[in-house]
Amino acid sequence: MTLDEVEAVLGAPAASAIDLRVEAPAEEVGFRWLRVWVDAGARLEVQFAEDGRVKAATCWGRPQFGPLSRLRAWLGW
């Protein structure tokens, strides 16, 4: 997947982006860009290779839904 495809699936651009060529040019980390999405208790980090495609992704936490979201889920809406 490309960055545009990831953003389309997630519905928003990343909260932060790091270009490792600029931040750590002497280190070999195996990927070029790191993008981070954070939303309601969950964090997604996606690594992009030199060609701009996803190399790996990691997620932590669980989204925390408010009372209205829990009610909708309980009602099956």
PDB file of N, CA and C in Angstrom:
ATOM      1  N   MET A   1       0.838  -1.179   0.000  1.00  0.00           N
ATOM      2  CA  MET A   1       0.000   0.000   0.000  1.00  0.00           C
ATOM      3  C   MET A   1       0.884   1.243   0.000  1.00  0.00           C
ATOM      4  N   THR A   2       0.375   2.275  -0.592  1.00  0.00           N
ATOM      5  CA  THR A   2       1.055   3.565  -0.573  1.00  0.00           C
ATOM      6  C   THR A   2       0.504   4.410   0.575  1.00  0.00           C
ATOM      7  N   LEU A   3       1.139   5.543   0.847  1.00  0.00           N
ATOM      8  CA  LEU A   3       0.659   6.450   1.887  1.00  0.00           C
ATOM      9  C   LEU A   3      -0.757   6.908   1.593  1.00  0.00           C
ATOM     10  N   ASP A   4      -1.060   7.252   0.347  1.00  0.00           N
ATOM     11  CA  ASP A   4      -2.417   7.687  -0.012  1.00  0.00           C
ATOM     12  C   ASP A   4      -3.445   6.612   0.294  1.00  0.00           C
ATOM     13  N   GLU A   5      -3.119   5.363   0.020  1.00  0.00           N
ATOM     14  CA  GLU A   5      -4.039   4.253   0.293  1.00  0.00           C
ATOM     15  C   GLU A   5      -4.236   4.064   1.800  1.00  0.00           C
ATOM     16  N   VAL A   6      -3.171   4.183   2.573  1.00  0.00           N
ATOM     17  CA  VAL A   6      -3.277   4.052   4.031  1.00  0.00           C
ATOM     18  C   VAL A   6      -4.136   5.179   4.586  1.00  0.00           C
ATOM     19  N   GLU A   7      -3.912   6.398   4.141  1.00  0.00           N
ATOM     20  CA  GLU A   7      -4.707   7.531   4.609  1.00  0.00           C
ATOM     21  C   GLU A   7      -6.173   7.373   4.228  1.00  0.00           C
ATOM     22  N   ALA A   8      -6.450   6.811   3.057  1.00  0.00           N
ATOM     23  CA  ALA A   8      -7.838   6.590   2.638  1.00  0.00           C
ATOM     24  C   ALA A   8      -8.517   5.567   3.553  1.00  0.00           C
ATOM     25  N   VAL A   9      -7.811   4.521   3.920  1.00  0.00           N
ATOM     26  CA  VAL A   9      -8.372   3.505   4.814  1.00  0.00           C
ATOM     27  C   VAL A   9      -8.603   4.073   6.208  1.00  0.00           C
ATOM     28  N   LEU A  10      -7.642   4.841   6.712  1.00  0.00           N
ATOM     29  CA  LEU A  10      -7.737   5.383   8.063  1.00  0.00           C
ATOM     30  C   LEU A  10      -8.581   6.650   8.145  1.00  0.00           C
ATOM     31  N   GLY A  11      -8.796   7.302   7.029  1.00  0.00           N
ATOM     32  CA  GLY A  11      -9.655   8.472   6.996  1.00  0.00           C
ATOM     33  C   GLY A  11      -9.014   9.778   7.411  1.00  0.00           C
ATOM     34  N   ALA A  12      -7.686   9.781   7.588  1.00  0.00           N
ATOM     35  CA  ALA A  12      -7.011  11.014   8.010  1.00  0.00           C
ATOM     36  C   ALA A  12      -5.516  10.891   7.765  1.00  0.00           C
ATOM     37  N   PRO A  13      -4.848  12.027   7.616  1.00  0.00           N
ATOM     38  CA  PRO A  13      -3.385  11.970   7.517  1.00  0.00           C
ATOM     39  C   PRO A  13      -2.768  11.633   8.871  1.00  0.00           C
ATOM     40  N   ALA A  14      -1.523  11.257   8.854  1.00  0.00           N
ATOM     41  CA  ALA A  14      -0.803  10.895  10.082  1.00  0.00           C
ATOM     42  C   ALA A  14      -0.678  12.104  11.004  1.00  0.00           C
ATOM     43  N   ALA A  15      -0.661  11.830  12.307  1.00  0.00           N
ATOM     44  CA  ALA A  15      -0.464  12.885  13.296  1.00  0.00           C
ATOM     45  C   ALA A  15       0.979  13.373  13.273  1.00  0.00           C
ATOM     46  N   SER A  16       1.908  12.476  12.942  1.00  0.00           N
ATOM     47  CA  SER A  16       3.304  12.881  12.826  1.00  0.00           C
ATOM     48  C   SER A  16       3.995  12.031  11.769  1.00  0.00           C
ATOM     49  N   ALA A  17       5.048  12.603  11.205  1.00  0.00           N
ATOM     50  CA  ALA A  17       5.808  11.921  10.164  1.00  0.00           C
ATOM     51  C   ALA A  17       7.290  12.194  10.378  1.00  0.00           C
ATOM     52  N   ILE A  18       8.088  11.153  10.224  1.00  0.00           N
ATOM     53  CA  ILE A  18       9.534  11.288  10.393  1.00  0.00           C
ATOM     54  C   ILE A  18      10.213  10.754   9.146  1.00  0.00           C
ATOM     55  N   ASP A  19      11.071  11.563   8.548  1.00  0.00           N
ATOM     56  CA  ASP A  19      11.899  11.124   7.429  1.00  0.00           C
ATOM     57  C   ASP A  19      13.252  10.740   8.021  1.00  0.00           C
ATOM     58  N   LEU A  20      13.549   9.467   8.038  1.00  0.00           N
ATOM     59  CA  LEU A  20      14.764   8.992   8.693  1.00  0.00           C
ATOM     60  C   LEU A  20      16.032   9.377   7.949  1.00  0.00           C
ATOM     61  N   ARG A  21      15.936   9.736   6.685  1.00  0.00           N
ATOM     62  CA  ARG A  21      17.116  10.244   5.974  1.00  0.00           C
ATOM     63  C   ARG A  21      17.554  11.579   6.549  1.00  0.00           C
ATOM     64  N   VAL A  22      16.600  12.340   7.060  1.00  0.00           N
ATOM     65  CA  VAL A  22      16.901  13.637   7.650  1.00  0.00           C
ATOM     66  C   VAL A  22      17.241  13.488   9.127  1.00  0.00           C
ATOM     67  N   GLU A  23      16.454  12.696   9.858  1.00  0.00           N
ATOM     68  CA  GLU A  23      16.609  12.567  11.311  1.00  0.00           C
ATOM     69  C   GLU A  23      17.827  11.736  11.721  1.00  0.00           C
ATOM     70  N   ALA A  24      18.107  10.659  10.993  1.00  0.00           N
ATOM     71  CA  ALA A  24      19.211   9.755  11.360  1.00  0.00           C
ATOM     72  C   ALA A  24      19.887   9.230  10.093  1.00  0.00           C
ATOM     73  N   PRO A  25      20.556  10.102   9.348  1.00  0.00           N
ATOM     74  CA  PRO A  25      21.102   9.694   8.047  1.00  0.00           C
ATOM     75  C   PRO A  25      22.172   8.606   8.128  1.00  0.00           C
ATOM     76  N   ALA A  26      22.863   8.469   9.230  1.00  0.00           N
ATOM     77  CA  ALA A  26      23.949   7.491   9.322  1.00  0.00           C
ATOM     78  C   ALA A  26      23.476   6.108   9.780  1.00  0.00           C
ATOM     79  N   GLU A  27      22.229   6.002  10.242  1.00  0.00           N
ATOM     80  CA  GLU A  27      21.734   4.732  10.762  1.00  0.00           C
ATOM     81  C   GLU A  27      21.026   3.919   9.686  1.00  0.00           C
ATOM     82  N   GLU A  28      21.213   2.622   9.730  1.00  0.00           N
ATOM     83  CA  GLU A  28      20.518   1.701   8.839  1.00  0.00           C
ATOM     84  C   GLU A  28      19.348   1.096   9.597  1.00  0.00           C
ATOM     85  N   VAL A  29      18.139   1.547   9.338  1.00  0.00           N
ATOM     86  CA  VAL A  29      16.977   1.049  10.053  1.00  0.00           C
ATOM     87  C   VAL A  29      16.068   0.186   9.180  1.00  0.00           C
ATOM     88  N   GLY A  30      16.298   0.162   7.887  1.00  0.00           N
ATOM     89  CA  GLY A  30      15.519  -0.693   7.004  1.00  0.00           C
ATOM     90  C   GLY A  30      14.265  -0.070   6.419  1.00  0.00           C
ATOM     91  N   PHE A  31      13.976   1.168   6.783  1.00  0.00           N
ATOM     92  CA  PHE A  31      12.843   1.859   6.180  1.00  0.00           C
ATOM     93  C   PHE A  31      13.157   3.344   6.117  1.00  0.00           C
ATOM     94  N   ARG A  32      12.385   4.071   5.329  1.00  0.00           N
ATOM     95  CA  ARG A  32      12.676   5.486   5.085  1.00  0.00           C
ATOM     96  C   ARG A  32      11.813   6.426   5.918  1.00  0.00           C
ATOM     97  N   TRP A  33      10.504   6.195   5.940  1.00  0.00           N
ATOM     98  CA  TRP A  33       9.587   7.093   6.643  1.00  0.00           C
ATOM     99  C   TRP A  33       8.837   6.345   7.729  1.00  0.00           C
ATOM    100  N   LEU A  34       8.533   7.048   8.791  1.00  0.00           N
ATOM    101  CA  LEU A  34       7.683   6.529   9.855  1.00  0.00           C
ATOM    102  C   LEU A  34       6.529   7.501  10.023  1.00  0.00           C
ATOM    103  N   ARG A  35       5.316   6.992   9.909  1.00  0.00           N
ATOM    104  CA  ARG A  35       4.113   7.815  10.104  1.00  0.00           C
ATOM    105  C   ARG A  35       3.354   7.252  11.297  1.00  0.00           C
ATOM    106  N   VAL A  36       2.780   8.150  12.100  1.00  0.00           N
ATOM    107  CA  VAL A  36       2.091   7.739  13.319  1.00  0.00           C
ATOM    108  C   VAL A  36       0.681   8.331  13.338  1.00  0.00           C
ATOM    109  N   TRP A  37      -0.302   7.466  13.610  1.00  0.00           N
ATOM    110  CA  TRP A  37      -1.679   7.872  13.805  1.00  0.00           C
ATOM    111  C   TRP A  37      -2.050   7.563  15.245  1.00  0.00           C
ATOM    112  N   VAL A  38      -2.698   8.521  15.932  1.00  0.00           N
ATOM    113  CA  VAL A  38      -3.138   8.328  17.312  1.00  0.00           C
ATOM    114  C   VAL A  38      -4.598   8.755  17.386  1.00  0.00           C
ATOM    115  N   ASP A  39      -5.429   7.875  17.976  1.00  0.00           N
ATOM    116  CA  ASP A  39      -6.846   8.213  18.077  1.00  0.00           C
ATOM    117  C   ASP A  39      -7.493   7.425  19.204  1.00  0.00           C
ATOM    118  N   ALA A  40      -8.072   8.098  20.148  1.00  0.00           N
ATOM    119  CA  ALA A  40      -8.908   7.504  21.200  1.00  0.00           C
ATOM    120  C   ALA A  40      -8.293   6.271  21.850  1.00  0.00           C
ATOM    121  N   GLY A  41      -7.070   6.388  22.300  1.00  0.00           N
ATOM    122  CA  GLY A  41      -6.456   5.293  23.037  1.00  0.00           C
ATOM    123  C   GLY A  41      -5.697   4.284  22.203  1.00  0.00           C
ATOM    124  N   ALA A  42      -5.661   4.461  20.894  1.00  0.00           N
ATOM    125  CA  ALA A  42      -4.923   3.548  20.020  1.00  0.00           C
ATOM    126  C   ALA A  42      -3.833   4.314  19.283  1.00  0.00           C
ATOM    127  N   ARG A  43      -2.727   3.623  19.012  1.00  0.00           N
ATOM    128  CA  ARG A  43      -1.601   4.234  18.292  1.00  0.00           C
ATOM    129  C   ARG A  43      -1.175   3.276  17.191  1.00  0.00           C
ATOM    130  N   LEU A  44      -1.072   3.782  15.972  1.00  0.00           N
ATOM    131  CA  LEU A  44      -0.640   2.998  14.823  1.00  0.00           C
ATOM    132  C   LEU A  44       0.613   3.628  14.248  1.00  0.00           C
ATOM    133  N   GLU A  45       1.675   2.832  14.119  1.00  0.00           N
ATOM    134  CA  GLU A  45       2.904   3.284  13.479  1.00  0.00           C
ATOM    135  C   GLU A  45       3.094   2.482  12.199  1.00  0.00           C
ATOM    136  N   VAL A  46       3.319   3.189  11.092  1.00  0.00           N
ATOM    137  CA  VAL A  46       3.510   2.529   9.803  1.00  0.00           C
ATOM    138  C   VAL A  46       4.868   2.941   9.251  1.00  0.00           C
ATOM    139  N   GLN A  47       5.656   1.957   8.872  1.00  0.00           N
ATOM    140  CA  GLN A  47       6.967   2.189   8.268  1.00  0.00           C
ATOM    141  C   GLN A  47       6.824   2.078   6.751  1.00  0.00           C
ATOM    142  N   PHE A  48       7.424   3.025   6.042  1.00  0.00           N
ATOM    143  CA  PHE A  48       7.386   3.033   4.580  1.00  0.00           C
ATOM    144  C   PHE A  48       8.795   2.866   4.033  1.00  0.00           C
ATOM    145  N   ALA A  49       8.941   2.018   3.028  1.00  0.00           N
ATOM    146  CA  ALA A  49      10.232   1.766   2.381  1.00  0.00           C
ATOM    147  C   ALA A  49      10.579   2.918   1.440  1.00  0.00           C
ATOM    148  N   GLU A  50      11.750   2.827   0.838  1.00  0.00           N
ATOM    149  CA  GLU A  50      12.214   3.846  -0.116  1.00  0.00           C
ATOM    150  C   GLU A  50      11.246   4.052  -1.274  1.00  0.00           C
ATOM    151  N   ASP A  51      10.557   2.985  -1.697  1.00  0.00           N
ATOM    152  CA  ASP A  51       9.634   3.100  -2.832  1.00  0.00           C
ATOM    153  C   ASP A  51       8.281   3.694  -2.451  1.00  0.00           C
ATOM    154  N   GLY A  52       8.102   4.049  -1.163  1.00  0.00           N
ATOM    155  CA  GLY A  52       6.868   4.679  -0.723  1.00  0.00           C
ATOM    156  C   GLY A  52       5.762   3.707  -0.349  1.00  0.00           C
ATOM    157  N   ARG A  53       6.069   2.433  -0.292  1.00  0.00           N
ATOM    158  CA  ARG A  53       5.073   1.424   0.072  1.00  0.00           C
ATOM    159  C   ARG A  53       5.294   0.954   1.506  1.00  0.00           C
ATOM    160  N   VAL A  54       4.215   0.463   2.120  1.00  0.00           N
ATOM    161  CA  VAL A  54       4.284  -0.004   3.506  1.00  0.00           C
ATOM    162  C   VAL A  54       5.255  -1.163   3.625  1.00  0.00           C
ATOM    163  N   LYS A  55       6.115  -1.063   4.606  1.00  0.00           N
ATOM    164  CA  LYS A  55       7.052  -2.137   4.910  1.00  0.00           C
ATOM    165  C   LYS A  55       6.580  -2.912   6.134  1.00  0.00           C
ATOM    166  N   ALA A  56       6.067  -2.205   7.149  1.00  0.00           N
ATOM    167  CA  ALA A  56       5.578  -2.839   8.368  1.00  0.00           C
ATOM    168  C   ALA A  56       4.631  -1.882   9.083  1.00  0.00           C
ATOM    169  N   ALA A  57       3.795  -2.440   9.960  1.00  0.00           N
ATOM    170  CA  ALA A  57       2.880  -1.632  10.763  1.00  0.00           C
ATOM    171  C   ALA A  57       2.740  -2.263  12.143  1.00  0.00           C
ATOM    172  N   THR A  58       2.591  -1.405  13.136  1.00  0.00           N
ATOM    173  CA  THR A  58       2.433  -1.855  14.510  1.00  0.00           C
ATOM    174  C   THR A  58       1.352  -1.012  15.175  1.00  0.00           C
ATOM    175  N   CYS A  59       0.528  -1.660  15.990  1.00  0.00           N
ATOM    176  CA  CYS A  59      -0.552  -0.955  16.681  1.00  0.00           C
ATOM    177  C   CYS A  59      -0.508  -1.287  18.163  1.00  0.00           C
ATOM    178  N   TRP A  60      -0.776  -0.283  18.999  1.00  0.00           N
ATOM    179  CA  TRP A  60      -0.845  -0.451  20.440  1.00  0.00           C
ATOM    180  C   TRP A  60      -2.170   0.092  20.942  1.00  0.00           C
ATOM    181  N   GLY A  61      -2.637  -0.476  22.046  1.00  0.00           N
ATOM    182  CA  GLY A  61      -3.834   0.024  22.709  1.00  0.00           C
ATOM    183  C   GLY A  61      -5.111  -0.383  22.010  1.00  0.00           C
ATOM    184  N   ARG A  62      -6.184   0.078  22.573  1.00  0.00           N
ATOM    185  CA  ARG A  62      -7.507  -0.158  22.008  1.00  0.00           C
ATOM    186  C   ARG A  62      -8.258   1.154  22.008  1.00  0.00           C
ATOM    187  N   PRO A  63      -9.016   1.414  20.949  1.00  0.00           N
ATOM    188  CA  PRO A  63      -9.813   2.640  20.949  1.00  0.00           C
ATOM    189  C   PRO A  63     -10.782   2.640  22.137  1.00  0.00           C
ATOM    190  N   GLN A  64     -10.909   3.773  22.768  1.00  0.00           N
ATOM    191  CA  GLN A  64     -11.837   3.920  23.886  1.00  0.00           C
ATOM    192  C   GLN A  64     -13.067   4.661  23.375  1.00  0.00           C
ATOM    193  N   PHE A  65     -14.174   3.983  23.347  1.00  0.00           N
ATOM    194  CA  PHE A  65     -15.396   4.574  22.820  1.00  0.00           C
ATOM    195  C   PHE A  65     -16.195   5.223  23.948  1.00  0.00           C
ATOM    196  N   GLY A  66     -16.850   6.297  23.605  1.00  0.00           N
ATOM    197  CA  GLY A  66     -17.678   7.001  24.577  1.00  0.00           C
ATOM    198  C   GLY A  66     -19.006   6.298  24.793  1.00  0.00           C
ATOM    199  N   PRO A  67     -19.837   6.828  25.692  1.00  0.00           N
ATOM    200  CA  PRO A  67     -21.106   6.180  26.030  1.00  0.00           C
ATOM    201  C   PRO A  67     -22.049   6.047  24.835  1.00  0.00           C
ATOM    202  N   LEU A  68     -22.082   7.043  23.965  1.00  0.00           N
ATOM    203  CA  LEU A  68     -22.973   6.968  22.806  1.00  0.00           C
ATOM    204  C   LEU A  68     -22.537   5.858  21.851  1.00  0.00           C
ATOM    205  N   SER A  69     -21.233   5.715  21.629  1.00  0.00           N
ATOM    206  CA  SER A  69     -20.733   4.648  20.773  1.00  0.00           C
ATOM    207  C   SER A  69     -21.042   3.276  21.354  1.00  0.00           C
ATOM    208  N   ARG A  70     -20.889   3.144  22.680  1.00  0.00           N
ATOM    209  CA  ARG A  70     -21.205   1.858  23.323  1.00  0.00           C
ATOM    210  C   ARG A  70     -22.694   1.548  23.208  1.00  0.00           C
ATOM    211  N   LEU A  71     -23.551   2.560  23.344  1.00  0.00           N
ATOM    212  CA  LEU A  71     -24.990   2.363  23.208  1.00  0.00           C
ATOM    213  C   LEU A  71     -25.345   1.926  21.788  1.00  0.00           C
ATOM    214  N   ARG A  72     -24.764   2.578  20.783  1.00  0.00           N
ATOM    215  CA  ARG A  72     -25.004   2.183  19.391  1.00  0.00           C
ATOM    216  C   ARG A  72     -24.585   0.739  19.142  1.00  0.00           C
ATOM    217  N   ALA A  73     -23.416   0.356  19.666  1.00  0.00           N
ATOM    218  CA  ALA A  73     -22.938  -1.015  19.497  1.00  0.00           C
ATOM    219  C   ALA A  73     -23.878  -2.003  20.176  1.00  0.00           C
ATOM    220  N   TRP A  74     -24.353  -1.655  21.367  1.00  0.00           N
ATOM    221  CA  TRP A  74     -25.257  -2.531  22.103  1.00  0.00           C
ATOM    222  C   TRP A  74     -26.582  -2.696  21.365  1.00  0.00           C
ATOM    223  N   LEU A  75     -27.066  -1.598  20.746  1.00  0.00           N
ATOM    224  CA  LEU A  75     -28.311  -1.633  19.995  1.00  0.00           C
ATOM    225  C   LEU A  75     -28.148  -2.213  18.591  1.00  0.00           C
ATOM    226  N   GLY A  76     -26.883  -2.408  18.168  1.00  0.00           N
ATOM    227  CA  GLY A  76     -26.654  -2.954  16.834  1.00  0.00           C
ATOM    228  C   GLY A  76     -26.756  -1.949  15.715  1.00  0.00           C
ATOM    229  N   TRP A  77     -26.584  -0.674  16.024  1.00  0.00           N
ATOM    230  CA  TRP A  77     -26.656   0.382  15.000  1.00  0.00           C
ATOM    231  C   TRP A  77     -25.334   0.537  14.368  1.00  0.00           C
TER     232      TRP A  77
END
